[in-house]
Amino acid sequence: MTKKAIIVGASGLIGSKLLDVLLNQPEYDQVLSIGRKKIKSRNTKLEQIVVEFDDIDNHEDQIKGDVIFCCLGTTRRDTPDLNDYRKIDHDYPLRLAEIALRNGIEQYHLVSAMDARSDASNFYTKIKGDTEDDLKKVGLKGLFIYQPSLLIGHRNKPRVMETIAVWVMKIVSPLMLGDFKKYRAIQALDVAKAMYKQSLKNKTGVFTYTSDKIKKRA
């Protein structure tokens, strides 16, 4: 039985990899991309809705399917205003989850971050933690949370410090053993593959995967 996937944020590093995976797998005969810009693709399985996320509720009738993948996220460089940052990383994913619940979408997959905690002192990890906590309160049938460490993959906008960190992590990662395995850098494609594979399982509840667990499921 084929299914319909909804992907939000398909222009980002993980989102773009996930979109490619979904479009090339037989289990999904329809893929709906929701974003602020149109994705360049001629794949007949792909349907697109261009939205302003502040008005996402106006598109509720179009957001219907079997599973939703939320790959939304931003950076301080792209979004220096902290209120706007919180909107993108917290408010929009939460509103999408509420729409998913109302429309009977059984699975919600969220790209979060390593060490996400609502009591974190770091602004970034605190917002991710707040988002995770608030999504758990929505009442979704299946909530899948992915907490990747440093991501490896081509970005449209290279980040100098991140590029340096990736090279360092390639050397250091093999030395990270035991509990430190979850801090190893991970390929964005592996995150995308894990999300796809987990979406094929009929699981209910809340599931959280750190980088080491994501790698095993890729």
C-alpha atoms as a PDB file:
ATOM      1  CA  MET A   1       0.000   0.000   0.000  1.00  0.00           C
ATOM      2  CA  THR A   2       1.478   3.326  -1.050  1.00  0.00           C
ATOM      3  CA  LYS A   3       1.385   6.445   1.072  1.00  0.00           C
ATOM      4  CA  LYS A   4       1.614  10.229   0.941  1.00  0.00           C
ATOM      5  CA  ALA A   5       4.454  12.058   2.668  1.00  0.00           C
ATOM      6  CA  ILE A   6       4.537  15.722   3.592  1.00  0.00           C
ATOM      7  CA  ILE A   7       7.925  17.385   3.934  1.00  0.00           C
ATOM      8  CA  VAL A   8       8.374  20.866   5.379  1.00  0.00           C
ATOM      9  CA  GLY A   9      11.703  22.570   4.797  1.00  0.00           C
ATOM     10  CA  ALA A  10      12.864  20.566   1.780  1.00  0.00           C
ATOM     11  CA  SER A  11      15.397  23.214   0.734  1.00  0.00           C
ATOM     12  CA  GLY A  12      17.651  22.679   3.769  1.00  0.00           C
ATOM     13  CA  LEU A  13      20.533  20.263   4.214  1.00  0.00           C
ATOM     14  CA  ILE A  14      18.569  17.339   5.662  1.00  0.00           C
ATOM     15  CA  GLY A  15      15.302  18.287   3.964  1.00  0.00           C
ATOM     16  CA  SER A  16      16.813  18.216   0.475  1.00  0.00           C
ATOM     17  CA  LYS A  17      18.368  14.787   1.105  1.00  0.00           C
ATOM     18  CA  LEU A  18      15.095  13.479   2.504  1.00  0.00           C
ATOM     19  CA  LEU A  19      13.127  14.788  -0.475  1.00  0.00           C
ATOM     20  CA  ASP A  20      15.426  12.883  -2.853  1.00  0.00           C
ATOM     21  CA  VAL A  21      15.025   9.717  -0.800  1.00  0.00           C
ATOM     22  CA  LEU A  22      11.228   9.948  -0.682  1.00  0.00           C
ATOM     23  CA  LEU A  23      10.876  10.659  -4.386  1.00  0.00           C
ATOM     24  CA  ASN A  24      12.931   7.575  -5.229  1.00  0.00           C
ATOM     25  CA  GLN A  25      11.209   5.058  -2.969  1.00  0.00           C
ATOM     26  CA  PRO A  26       8.137   3.030  -4.001  1.00  0.00           C
ATOM     27  CA  GLU A  27       6.375   3.216  -0.625  1.00  0.00           C
ATOM     28  CA  TYR A  28       5.463   6.855  -1.235  1.00  0.00           C
ATOM     29  CA  ASP A  29       3.556   7.579  -4.434  1.00  0.00           C
ATOM     30  CA  GLN A  30       2.910  11.204  -3.433  1.00  0.00           C
ATOM     31  CA  VAL A  31       5.214  13.726  -1.788  1.00  0.00           C
ATOM     32  CA  LEU A  32       3.931  17.152  -0.781  1.00  0.00           C
ATOM     33  CA  SER A  33       6.582  19.825  -0.206  1.00  0.00           C
ATOM     34  CA  ILE A  34       5.631  22.850   1.880  1.00  0.00           C
ATOM     35  CA  GLY A  35       7.986  25.805   1.925  1.00  0.00           C
ATOM     36  CA  ARG A  36       8.588  29.455   1.204  1.00  0.00           C
ATOM     37  CA  LYS A  37      10.226  28.698  -2.140  1.00  0.00           C
ATOM     38  CA  LYS A  38       9.494  26.278  -4.927  1.00  0.00           C
ATOM     39  CA  ILE A  39      11.788  23.275  -5.298  1.00  0.00           C
ATOM     40  CA  LYS A  40      13.220  22.715  -8.769  1.00  0.00           C
ATOM     41  CA  SER A  41      12.067  19.236  -9.695  1.00  0.00           C
ATOM     42  CA  ARG A  42      10.184  17.558 -12.526  1.00  0.00           C
ATOM     43  CA  ASN A  43       9.361  14.438 -10.555  1.00  0.00           C
ATOM     44  CA  THR A  44       5.695  13.617 -11.112  1.00  0.00           C
ATOM     45  CA  LYS A  45       5.313  12.387  -7.530  1.00  0.00           C
ATOM     46  CA  LEU A  46       6.057  15.857  -6.172  1.00  0.00           C
ATOM     47  CA  GLU A  47       3.341  18.358  -5.307  1.00  0.00           C
ATOM     48  CA  GLN A  48       4.248  21.750  -3.888  1.00  0.00           C
ATOM     49  CA  ILE A  49       2.640  24.451  -1.793  1.00  0.00           C
ATOM     50  CA  VAL A  50       4.441  27.777  -1.448  1.00  0.00           C
ATOM     51  CA  VAL A  51       3.462  29.410   1.860  1.00  0.00           C
ATOM     52  CA  GLU A  52       4.258  32.105   4.360  1.00  0.00           C
ATOM     53  CA  PHE A  53       4.409  30.122   7.583  1.00  0.00           C
ATOM     54  CA  ASP A  54       2.674  32.859   9.551  1.00  0.00           C
ATOM     55  CA  ASP A  55      -0.381  31.960   7.445  1.00  0.00           C
ATOM     56  CA  ILE A  56       0.050  28.181   7.563  1.00  0.00           C
ATOM     57  CA  ASP A  57      -3.390  27.688   9.133  1.00  0.00           C
ATOM     58  CA  ASN A  58      -4.932  28.946   5.886  1.00  0.00           C
ATOM     59  CA  HIS A  59      -3.521  25.859   4.152  1.00  0.00           C
ATOM     60  CA  GLU A  60      -4.840  23.307   6.637  1.00  0.00           C
ATOM     61  CA  ASP A  61      -7.143  21.663   4.096  1.00  0.00           C
ATOM     62  CA  GLN A  62      -4.136  20.946   1.853  1.00  0.00           C
ATOM     63  CA  ILE A  63      -1.936  19.454   4.565  1.00  0.00           C
ATOM     64  CA  LYS A  64      -3.198  15.888   4.456  1.00  0.00           C
ATOM     65  CA  GLY A  65      -1.300  12.627   4.180  1.00  0.00           C
ATOM     66  CA  ASP A  66       0.137   9.738   6.157  1.00  0.00           C
ATOM     67  CA  VAL A  67       3.318  11.214   7.602  1.00  0.00           C
ATOM     68  CA  ILE A  68       4.818  14.673   8.025  1.00  0.00           C
ATOM     69  CA  PHE A  69       8.541  15.382   8.158  1.00  0.00           C
ATOM     70  CA  CYS A  70       9.469  18.730   9.714  1.00  0.00           C
ATOM     71  CA  CYS A  71      12.970  19.850   8.722  1.00  0.00           C
ATOM     72  CA  LEU A  72      12.539  23.522   9.540  1.00  0.00           C
ATOM     73  CA  GLY A  73      15.411  25.413  11.106  1.00  0.00           C
ATOM     74  CA  THR A  74      17.475  28.553  10.851  1.00  0.00           C
ATOM     75  CA  THR A  75      20.717  30.128  12.064  1.00  0.00           C
ATOM     76  CA  ARG A  76      21.584  33.299  13.951  1.00  0.00           C
ATOM     77  CA  ARG A  77      23.297  34.583  10.806  1.00  0.00           C
ATOM     78  CA  ASP A  78      20.132  34.203   8.711  1.00  0.00           C
ATOM     79  CA  THR A  79      17.728  35.154  11.501  1.00  0.00           C
ATOM     80  CA  PRO A  80      19.371  37.549  13.996  1.00  0.00           C
ATOM     81  CA  ASP A  81      16.032  38.557  15.555  1.00  0.00           C
ATOM     82  CA  LEU A  82      15.461  36.088  18.399  1.00  0.00           C
ATOM     83  CA  ASN A  83      11.676  36.322  18.174  1.00  0.00           C
ATOM     84  CA  ASP A  84      11.764  35.370  14.496  1.00  0.00           C
ATOM     85  CA  TYR A  85      14.244  32.609  15.314  1.00  0.00           C
ATOM     86  CA  ARG A  86      11.848  31.132  17.850  1.00  0.00           C
ATOM     87  CA  LYS A  87       9.001  31.301  15.358  1.00  0.00           C
ATOM     88  CA  ILE A  88      10.907  29.179  12.846  1.00  0.00           C
ATOM     89  CA  ASP A  89      12.361  26.641  15.273  1.00  0.00           C
ATOM     90  CA  HIS A  90       9.431  26.395  17.697  1.00  0.00           C
ATOM     91  CA  ASP A  91       6.158  28.038  16.681  1.00  0.00           C
ATOM     92  CA  TYR A  92       5.909  26.778  13.099  1.00  0.00           C
ATOM     93  CA  PRO A  93       6.728  23.121  13.923  1.00  0.00           C
ATOM     94  CA  LEU A  94       4.180  23.230  16.748  1.00  0.00           C
ATOM     95  CA  ARG A  95       1.427  24.660  14.536  1.00  0.00           C
ATOM     96  CA  LEU A  96       2.171  22.046  11.893  1.00  0.00           C
ATOM     97  CA  ALA A  97       1.845  19.316  14.536  1.00  0.00           C
ATOM     98  CA  GLU A  98      -1.531  20.675  15.615  1.00  0.00           C
ATOM     99  CA  ILE A  99      -2.698  20.654  11.991  1.00  0.00           C
ATOM    100  CA  ALA A 100      -1.368  17.111  11.614  1.00  0.00           C
ATOM    101  CA  LEU A 101      -3.373  15.992  14.644  1.00  0.00           C
ATOM    102  CA  ARG A 102      -6.591  17.586  13.362  1.00  0.00           C
ATOM    103  CA  ASN A 103      -6.109  16.037   9.924  1.00  0.00           C
ATOM    104  CA  GLY A 104      -5.424  12.551  11.237  1.00  0.00           C
ATOM    105  CA  ILE A 105      -1.771  12.386  10.157  1.00  0.00           C
ATOM    106  CA  GLU A 106      -0.444   9.503  12.235  1.00  0.00           C
ATOM    107  CA  GLN A 107       3.297  10.208  12.212  1.00  0.00           C
ATOM    108  CA  TYR A 108       5.278  13.384  12.819  1.00  0.00           C
ATOM    109  CA  HIS A 109       9.063  13.379  12.366  1.00  0.00           C
ATOM    110  CA  LEU A 110      11.089  16.314  13.700  1.00  0.00           C
ATOM    111  CA  VAL A 111      14.702  17.259  13.078  1.00  0.00           C
ATOM    112  CA  SER A 112      15.877  18.627  16.424  1.00  0.00           C
ATOM    113  CA  ALA A 113      19.437  18.941  17.757  1.00  0.00           C
ATOM    114  CA  MET A 114      21.945  17.206  19.971  1.00  0.00           C
ATOM    115  CA  ASP A 115      21.480  17.927  23.692  1.00  0.00           C
ATOM    116  CA  ALA A 116      18.156  19.712  23.138  1.00  0.00           C
ATOM    117  CA  ARG A 117      16.776  20.589  26.591  1.00  0.00           C
ATOM    118  CA  SER A 118      14.266  23.180  27.738  1.00  0.00           C
ATOM    119  CA  ASP A 119      16.496  23.951  30.757  1.00  0.00           C
ATOM    120  CA  ALA A 120      19.626  24.505  28.634  1.00  0.00           C
ATOM    121  CA  SER A 121      21.482  27.792  28.991  1.00  0.00           C
ATOM    122  CA  ASN A 122      22.311  27.822  25.279  1.00  0.00           C
ATOM    123  CA  PHE A 123      19.620  29.659  23.287  1.00  0.00           C
ATOM    124  CA  TYR A 124      19.667  27.190  20.384  1.00  0.00           C
ATOM    125  CA  THR A 125      19.431  23.978  22.398  1.00  0.00           C
ATOM    126  CA  LYS A 126      16.816  25.524  24.714  1.00  0.00           C
ATOM    127  CA  ILE A 127      14.491  26.366  21.810  1.00  0.00           C
ATOM    128  CA  LYS A 128      14.909  22.865  20.408  1.00  0.00           C
ATOM    129  CA  GLY A 129      14.152  21.463  23.853  1.00  0.00           C
ATOM    130  CA  ASP A 130      11.063  23.661  24.219  1.00  0.00           C
ATOM    131  CA  THR A 131       9.877  22.458  20.829  1.00  0.00           C
ATOM    132  CA  GLU A 132      10.326  18.806  21.734  1.00  0.00           C
ATOM    133  CA  ASP A 133       8.487  19.250  25.045  1.00  0.00           C
ATOM    134  CA  ASP A 134       5.569  21.117  23.473  1.00  0.00           C
ATOM    135  CA  LEU A 135       5.220  18.628  20.629  1.00  0.00           C
ATOM    136  CA  LYS A 136       4.928  15.810  23.171  1.00  0.00           C
ATOM    137  CA  LYS A 137       1.867  17.578  24.606  1.00  0.00           C
ATOM    138  CA  VAL A 138       0.014  17.733  21.269  1.00  0.00           C
ATOM    139  CA  GLY A 139      -1.127  14.115  21.419  1.00  0.00           C
ATOM    140  CA  LEU A 140       0.276  12.834  18.138  1.00  0.00           C
ATOM    141  CA  LYS A 141      -0.031   9.093  17.564  1.00  0.00           C
ATOM    142  CA  GLY A 142       3.616   8.745  16.602  1.00  0.00           C
ATOM    143  CA  LEU A 143       6.268  11.392  17.325  1.00  0.00           C
ATOM    144  CA  PHE A 144       9.802  10.744  16.091  1.00  0.00           C
ATOM    145  CA  ILE A 145      12.554  13.145  17.203  1.00  0.00           C
ATOM    146  CA  TYR A 146      16.018  13.131  15.645  1.00  0.00           C
ATOM    147  CA  GLN A 147      18.897  14.778  17.511  1.00  0.00           C
ATOM    148  CA  PRO A 148      21.854  14.744  15.106  1.00  0.00           C
ATOM    149  CA  SER A 149      25.261  16.021  16.106  1.00  0.00           C
ATOM    150  CA  LEU A 150      27.409  18.010  13.666  1.00  0.00           C
ATOM    151  CA  LEU A 151      26.048  17.463  10.155  1.00  0.00           C
ATOM    152  CA  ILE A 152      28.202  16.566   7.183  1.00  0.00           C
ATOM    153  CA  GLY A 153      26.956  17.494   3.722  1.00  0.00           C
ATOM    154  CA  HIS A 154      26.989  20.148   1.026  1.00  0.00           C
ATOM    155  CA  ARG A 155      25.260  23.390   1.956  1.00  0.00           C
ATOM    156  CA  ASN A 156      24.122  26.099  -0.437  1.00  0.00           C
ATOM    157  CA  LYS A 157      25.528  28.632   2.018  1.00  0.00           C
ATOM    158  CA  PRO A 158      28.833  27.288   3.397  1.00  0.00           C
ATOM    159  CA  ARG A 159      29.598  28.088   7.052  1.00  0.00           C
ATOM    160  CA  VAL A 160      33.316  28.648   7.631  1.00  0.00           C
ATOM    161  CA  MET A 161      33.452  27.612  11.289  1.00  0.00           C
ATOM    162  CA  GLU A 162      31.237  24.613  10.629  1.00  0.00           C
ATOM    163  CA  THR A 163      33.474  23.524   7.742  1.00  0.00           C
ATOM    164  CA  ILE A 164      36.494  23.631  10.059  1.00  0.00           C
ATOM    165  CA  ALA A 165      34.572  21.718  12.721  1.00  0.00           C
ATOM    166  CA  VAL A 166      33.651  19.002  10.232  1.00  0.00           C
ATOM    167  CA  TRP A 167      37.307  18.434   9.339  1.00  0.00           C
ATOM    168  CA  VAL A 168      38.243  18.252  13.008  1.00  0.00           C
ATOM    169  CA  MET A 169      35.382  15.858  13.747  1.00  0.00           C
ATOM    170  CA  LYS A 170      36.420  13.527  10.936  1.00  0.00           C
ATOM    171  CA  ILE A 171      39.651  13.004  12.852  1.00  0.00           C
ATOM    172  CA  VAL A 172      38.183  12.961  16.343  1.00  0.00           C
ATOM    173  CA  SER A 173      34.977  10.963  15.719  1.00  0.00           C
ATOM    174  CA  PRO A 174      36.619   7.493  15.604  1.00  0.00           C
ATOM    175  CA  LEU A 175      38.032   8.204  19.072  1.00  0.00           C
ATOM    176  CA  MET A 176      34.568   8.852  20.513  1.00  0.00           C
ATOM    177  CA  LEU A 177      33.486   5.612  22.139  1.00  0.00           C
ATOM    178  CA  GLY A 178      30.811   4.474  24.564  1.00  0.00           C
ATOM    179  CA  ASP A 179      28.510   7.279  25.674  1.00  0.00           C
ATOM    180  CA  PHE A 180      30.422   9.714  23.482  1.00  0.00           C
ATOM    181  CA  LYS A 181      29.362   8.005  20.239  1.00  0.00           C
ATOM    182  CA  LYS A 182      26.298  10.230  20.059  1.00  0.00           C
ATOM    183  CA  TYR A 183      28.583  13.243  19.558  1.00  0.00           C
ATOM    184  CA  ARG A 184      30.149  11.863  16.394  1.00  0.00           C
ATOM    185  CA  ALA A 185      29.521  13.891  13.243  1.00  0.00           C
ATOM    186  CA  ILE A 186      26.907  12.377  10.949  1.00  0.00           C
ATOM    187  CA  GLN A 187      26.094  12.575   7.263  1.00  0.00           C
ATOM    188  CA  ALA A 188      22.890  14.496   6.506  1.00  0.00           C
ATOM    189  CA  LEU A 189      21.974  11.689   4.112  1.00  0.00           C
ATOM    190  CA  ASP A 190      22.117   9.172   6.968  1.00  0.00           C
ATOM    191  CA  VAL A 191      19.641  11.282   8.941  1.00  0.00           C
ATOM    192  CA  ALA A 192      17.341  11.399   5.913  1.00  0.00           C
ATOM    193  CA  LYS A 193      17.576   7.633   5.382  1.00  0.00           C
ATOM    194  CA  ALA A 194      16.802   6.946   9.036  1.00  0.00           C
ATOM    195  CA  MET A 195      13.755   9.220   8.924  1.00  0.00           C
ATOM    196  CA  TYR A 196      12.455   7.452   5.831  1.00  0.00           C
ATOM    197  CA  LYS A 197      13.008   3.964   7.251  1.00  0.00           C
ATOM    198  CA  GLN A 198      11.394   4.785  10.596  1.00  0.00           C
ATOM    199  CA  SER A 199       8.357   6.206   8.803  1.00  0.00           C
ATOM    200  CA  LEU A 200       7.671   2.772   7.318  1.00  0.00           C
ATOM    201  CA  LYS A 201       7.209   1.246  10.768  1.00  0.00           C
ATOM    202  CA  ASN A 202       3.812   1.165  12.407  1.00  0.00           C
ATOM    203  CA  LYS A 203       5.003   2.503  15.764  1.00  0.00           C
ATOM    204  CA  THR A 204       3.060   4.591  18.260  1.00  0.00           C
ATOM    205  CA  GLY A 205       4.469   6.728  21.039  1.00  0.00           C
ATOM    206  CA  VAL A 206       7.421   9.098  21.328  1.00  0.00           C
ATOM    207  CA  PHE A 207      10.842   8.062  20.020  1.00  0.00           C
ATOM    208  CA  THR A 208      14.076  10.054  20.307  1.00  0.00           C
ATOM    209  CA  TYR A 209      17.211   9.203  18.352  1.00  0.00           C
ATOM    210  CA  THR A 210      20.683  10.649  18.944  1.00  0.00           C
ATOM    211  CA  SER A 211      23.349  10.517  16.224  1.00  0.00           C
ATOM    212  CA  ASP A 212      24.584   7.023  17.146  1.00  0.00           C
ATOM    213  CA  LYS A 213      21.030   5.644  17.043  1.00  0.00           C
ATOM    214  CA  ILE A 214      20.279   7.499  13.804  1.00  0.00           C
ATOM    215  CA  LYS A 215      23.357   5.956  12.199  1.00  0.00           C
ATOM    216  CA  LYS A 216      22.204   2.453  13.108  1.00  0.00           C
ATOM    217  CA  ARG A 217      18.820   3.077  11.476  1.00  0.00           C
ATOM    218  CA  ALA A 218      20.106   4.687   8.279  1.00  0.00           C
END
